[in-house]
C-alpha atoms as a PDB file:
ATOM      1  CA  MET A   1     217.633  -2.779 133.475  1.00  0.00           C
ATOM      2  CA  ASP A   2     217.408  -4.501 130.072  1.00  0.00           C
ATOM      3  CA  GLU A   3     214.192  -6.117 130.608  1.00  0.00           C
ATOM      4  CA  LYS A   4     211.091  -4.712 128.941  1.00  0.00           C
ATOM      5  CA  ILE A   5     207.848  -4.421 130.777  1.00  0.00           C
ATOM      6  CA  GLY A   6     204.519  -4.953 129.037  1.00  0.00           C
ATOM      7  CA  LEU A   7     203.711  -6.358 125.833  1.00  0.00           C
ATOM      8  CA  ASP A   8     207.377  -6.110 124.587  1.00  0.00           C
ATOM      9  CA  ALA A   9     208.625  -8.149 127.543  1.00  0.00           C
ATOM     10  CA  TYR A  10     210.263 -11.516 126.787  1.00  0.00           C
ATOM     11  CA  ARG A  11     209.327 -14.259 129.241  1.00  0.00           C
ATOM     12  CA  LYS A  12     212.210 -16.514 130.524  1.00  0.00           C
ATOM     13  CA  ASN A  13     209.964 -19.172 131.798  1.00  0.00           C
ATOM     14  CA  LYS A  14     207.460 -19.716 129.152  1.00  0.00           C
ATOM     15  CA  THR A  15     204.889 -22.231 129.858  1.00  0.00           C
ATOM     16  CA  GLU A  16     204.584 -24.893 126.956  1.00  0.00           C
ATOM     17  CA  ARG A  17     201.513 -24.829 124.984  1.00  0.00           C
ATOM     18  CA  PRO A  18     199.679 -28.195 125.643  1.00  0.00           C
ATOM     19  CA  PRO A  19     199.129 -30.678 122.658  1.00  0.00           C
ATOM     20  CA  SER A  20     196.079 -29.753 120.586  1.00  0.00           C
ATOM     21  CA  VAL A  21     193.633 -32.331 120.434  1.00  0.00           C
ATOM     22  CA  GLU A  22     191.078 -32.437 117.299  1.00  0.00           C
ATOM     23  CA  PRO A  23     187.612 -33.443 118.312  1.00  0.00           C
ATOM     24  CA  ASN A  24     186.194 -36.473 116.910  1.00  0.00           C
ATOM     25  CA  SER A  25     183.567 -35.654 114.168  1.00  0.00           C
ATOM     26  CA  SER A  26     181.130 -38.171 112.973  1.00  0.00           C
ATOM     27  CA  GLU A  27     179.744 -37.850 109.641  1.00  0.00           C
ATOM     28  CA  GLU A  28     176.604 -39.733 110.214  1.00  0.00           C
ATOM     29  CA  GLN A  29     174.063 -38.617 112.648  1.00  0.00           C
ATOM     30  CA  GLU A  30     172.949 -41.283 115.168  1.00  0.00           C
ATOM     31  CA  ARG A  31     169.280 -40.584 116.082  1.00  0.00           C
ATOM     32  CA  SER A  32     167.941 -41.542 119.474  1.00  0.00           C
ATOM     33  CA  ARG A  33     164.375 -40.511 118.585  1.00  0.00           C
ATOM     34  CA  PRO A  34     162.181 -42.459 116.103  1.00  0.00           C
ATOM     35  CA  GLU A  35     161.645 -41.068 112.810  1.00  0.00           C
ATOM     36  CA  ARG A  36     157.780 -41.238 113.099  1.00  0.00           C
ATOM     37  CA  LEU A  37     156.477 -40.309 116.570  1.00  0.00           C
ATOM     38  CA  LEU A  38     152.925 -40.719 116.258  1.00  0.00           C
ATOM     39  CA  VAL A  39     152.658 -44.070 114.289  1.00  0.00           C
ATOM     40  CA  THR A  40     152.478 -47.132 116.363  1.00  0.00           C
ATOM     41  CA  GLU A  41     153.331 -50.128 113.782  1.00  0.00           C
ATOM     42  CA  ASN A  42     153.241 -52.919 115.768  1.00  0.00           C
ATOM     43  CA  LYS A  43     149.342 -52.320 116.883  1.00  0.00           C
ATOM     44  CA  LYS A  44     146.437 -51.345 114.505  1.00  0.00           C
ATOM     45  CA  LEU A  45     144.462 -48.370 115.653  1.00  0.00           C
ATOM     46  CA  THR A  46     140.812 -48.897 116.568  1.00  0.00           C
ATOM     47  CA  THR A  47     138.106 -46.324 117.140  1.00  0.00           C
ATOM     48  CA  LYS A  48     138.500 -46.921 120.804  1.00  0.00           C
ATOM     49  CA  ASP A  49     142.035 -45.967 120.675  1.00  0.00           C
ATOM     50  CA  LEU A  50     141.323 -42.653 118.826  1.00  0.00           C
ATOM     51  CA  PRO A  51     140.114 -39.460 120.163  1.00  0.00           C
ATOM     52  CA  LYS A  52     136.499 -38.779 119.482  1.00  0.00           C
ATOM     53  CA  SER A  53     136.503 -35.264 117.811  1.00  0.00           C
ATOM     54  CA  ILE A  54     138.609 -32.231 117.198  1.00  0.00           C
ATOM     55  CA  ARG A  55     137.475 -28.766 116.286  1.00  0.00           C
ATOM     56  CA  ILE A  56     138.476 -27.601 112.881  1.00  0.00           C
ATOM     57  CA  SER A  57     137.063 -25.253 110.428  1.00  0.00           C
ATOM     58  CA  ILE A  58     134.912 -26.732 107.561  1.00  0.00           C
ATOM     59  CA  ALA A  59     137.545 -25.488 105.017  1.00  0.00           C
ATOM     60  CA  THR A  60     140.192 -27.565 106.635  1.00  0.00           C
ATOM     61  CA  HIS A  61     138.041 -30.656 107.056  1.00  0.00           C
ATOM     62  CA  THR A  62     137.223 -30.459 103.500  1.00  0.00           C
ATOM     63  CA  ALA A  63     140.920 -30.202 102.639  1.00  0.00           C
ATOM     64  CA  ILE A  64     141.712 -33.154 104.782  1.00  0.00           C
ATOM     65  CA  SER A  65     139.022 -35.113 103.578  1.00  0.00           C
ATOM     66  CA  THR A  66     139.971 -34.592  99.839  1.00  0.00           C
ATOM     67  CA  ILE A  67     143.743 -35.374 100.754  1.00  0.00           C
ATOM     68  CA  ALA A  68     142.398 -38.394 102.116  1.00  0.00           C
ATOM     69  CA  THR A  69     140.307 -39.512  99.364  1.00  0.00           C
ATOM     70  CA  ILE A  70     143.261 -38.380  96.755  1.00  0.00           C
ATOM     71  CA  GLU A  71     146.091 -40.353  98.715  1.00  0.00           C
ATOM     72  CA  ASP A  72     143.411 -43.275  99.473  1.00  0.00           C
ATOM     73  CA  MET A  73     144.049 -42.811 103.292  1.00  0.00           C
ATOM     74  CA  LYS A  74     141.840 -42.540 106.453  1.00  0.00           C
ATOM     75  CA  ILE A  75     141.403 -39.037 107.714  1.00  0.00           C
ATOM     76  CA  TYR A  76     143.264 -39.699 110.893  1.00  0.00           C
ATOM     77  CA  GLU A  77     146.193 -41.032 108.890  1.00  0.00           C
ATOM     78  CA  VAL A  78     146.457 -37.708 106.810  1.00  0.00           C
ATOM     79  CA  ILE A  79     146.366 -35.723 110.000  1.00  0.00           C
ATOM     80  CA  ASN A  80     149.187 -38.099 111.420  1.00  0.00           C
ATOM     81  CA  THR A  81     151.207 -37.310 108.228  1.00  0.00           C
ATOM     82  CA  VAL A  82     150.600 -33.674 108.501  1.00  0.00           C
ATOM     83  CA  VAL A  83     151.432 -33.596 112.381  1.00  0.00           C
ATOM     84  CA  GLU A  84     154.649 -35.697 111.665  1.00  0.00           C
ATOM     85  CA  ASN A  85     156.017 -33.303 109.021  1.00  0.00           C
ATOM     86  CA  TYR A  86     155.265 -30.411 111.259  1.00  0.00           C
ATOM     87  CA  ILE A  87     157.243 -32.028 114.026  1.00  0.00           C
ATOM     88  CA  ASN A  88     160.049 -32.992 111.859  1.00  0.00           C
ATOM     89  CA  ASP A  89     160.599 -29.205 110.826  1.00  0.00           C
ATOM     90  CA  LEU A  90     160.748 -28.176 114.505  1.00  0.00           C
ATOM     91  CA  PRO A  91     164.375 -27.865 116.047  1.00  0.00           C
ATOM     92  CA  PRO A  92     165.519 -30.806 117.990  1.00  0.00           C
ATOM     93  CA  GLN A  93     164.667 -29.351 121.500  1.00  0.00           C
ATOM     94  CA  LYS A  94     161.223 -28.930 120.617  1.00  0.00           C
ATOM     95  CA  GLN A  95     160.825 -32.212 118.844  1.00  0.00           C
ATOM     96  CA  LYS A  96     162.308 -33.968 122.205  1.00  0.00           C
ATOM     97  CA  LEU A  97     159.615 -31.987 124.407  1.00  0.00           C
ATOM     98  CA  ILE A  98     156.814 -33.568 121.951  1.00  0.00           C
ATOM     99  CA  LYS A  99     158.624 -37.008 121.953  1.00  0.00           C
ATOM    100  CA  ASN A 100     158.500 -36.855 125.722  1.00  0.00           C
ATOM    101  CA  SER A 101     154.982 -35.869 125.999  1.00  0.00           C
ATOM    102  CA  VAL A 102     153.745 -38.470 123.423  1.00  0.00           C
ATOM    103  CA  LYS A 103     155.525 -41.234 125.169  1.00  0.00           C
ATOM    104  CA  SER A 104     154.074 -40.385 128.591  1.00  0.00           C
ATOM    105  CA  VAL A 105     150.509 -40.430 127.042  1.00  0.00           C
ATOM    106  CA  SER A 106     151.161 -43.696 125.359  1.00  0.00           C
ATOM    107  CA  GLU A 107     152.620 -45.419 128.318  1.00  0.00           C
ATOM    108  CA  ARG A 108     149.416 -44.848 130.564  1.00  0.00           C
END
């Protein structure tokens, strides 16, 4: 009984190791979602398309109005920019949820 048992044992019928396959890694990220979710570039927004009101504090309204004046933008454009920046900072899973909800509303 020269054969050892356990970790010191030598296997006579070794299974060959499968060839290692390196995964293909792409340097560029291909994005399936648009960069700007809230902007529809093919259609100019009218007041009929926009919500009538949102409830914000007077300080927030003043800040948004001031930013709009400084940047020579409309108030809704400033709000869109702020929301876009917030969405872009979210993890991809949450961005996808937001994209799907925006898409479902715009298809109505």
